[in-house]
Amino acid sequence: MYTPESLSALRASAGFDRIEVVTERWQNGLSPEFGIVAQAARDRVRDAAGRT
């Protein structure tokens, strides 16, 4: 199971930046959930589009 910290670290290692934990914790029935927003780093978006 991911935590906000572990998923933030995973996204950072995958090249995302501007990672923000929007909601630390809420209950969805029996399941605890959280919300994270992340944006791909500009250089990775440029590379994926085939531009330099």
Protein backbone atom coordinates (compact mmCIF):
# COMPACT_ATOMS: atom_id res chain seq x y z
CA MET A 1 0.00 0.00 0.00
CA TYR A 2 1.27 3.45 -0.86
CA THR A 3 1.47 6.35 1.54
CA PRO A 4 1.49 9.99 0.42
CA GLU A 5 5.24 10.04 1.11
CA SER A 6 6.08 6.83 -0.76
CA LEU A 7 3.98 7.73 -3.82
CA SER A 8 5.47 11.24 -3.89
CA ALA A 9 8.98 9.73 -3.84
CA LEU A 10 8.05 7.26 -6.60
CA ARG A 11 6.68 10.04 -8.80
CA ALA A 12 9.75 12.19 -8.17
CA SER A 13 12.02 9.31 -9.23
CA ALA A 14 9.92 8.91 -12.40
CA GLY A 15 10.58 12.53 -13.41
CA PHE A 16 7.59 14.35 -12.00
CA ASP A 17 7.98 17.64 -10.19
CA ARG A 18 5.60 20.04 -8.47
CA ILE A 19 4.28 17.15 -6.41
CA GLU A 20 1.58 18.24 -4.00
CA VAL A 21 -0.34 16.16 -1.50
CA VAL A 22 -3.82 17.64 -1.84
CA THR A 23 -5.54 15.52 0.79
CA GLU A 24 -3.51 13.61 3.36
CA ARG A 25 -6.21 11.15 4.32
CA TRP A 26 -9.92 10.46 3.95
CA GLN A 27 -12.05 7.38 4.42
CA ASN A 28 -13.83 5.79 1.46
CA GLY A 29 -15.87 3.14 3.21
CA LEU A 30 -13.28 0.90 4.83
CA SER A 31 -10.40 2.16 2.67
CA PRO A 32 -8.19 5.09 3.63
CA GLU A 33 -7.32 7.21 0.58
CA PHE A 34 -5.28 10.32 -0.25
CA GLY A 35 -4.95 12.75 -3.14
CA ILE A 36 -1.77 13.76 -4.98
CA VAL A 37 -1.24 16.08 -7.94
CA ALA A 38 2.03 15.98 -9.91
CA GLN A 39 3.23 17.57 -13.12
CA ALA A 40 5.78 16.02 -15.47
CA ALA A 41 9.07 17.91 -15.52
CA ARG A 42 9.26 20.23 -18.54
CA ASP A 43 12.39 18.59 -19.99
CA ARG A 44 10.73 15.15 -19.88
CA VAL A 45 7.62 16.47 -21.66
CA ARG A 46 9.82 18.06 -24.33
CA ASP A 47 11.78 14.79 -24.79
CA ALA A 48 8.58 12.74 -25.07
CA ALA A 49 7.32 15.08 -27.80
CA GLY A 50 10.54 14.59 -29.76
CA ARG A 51 11.70 18.15 -29.28
CA THR A 52 15.01 19.36 -27.88
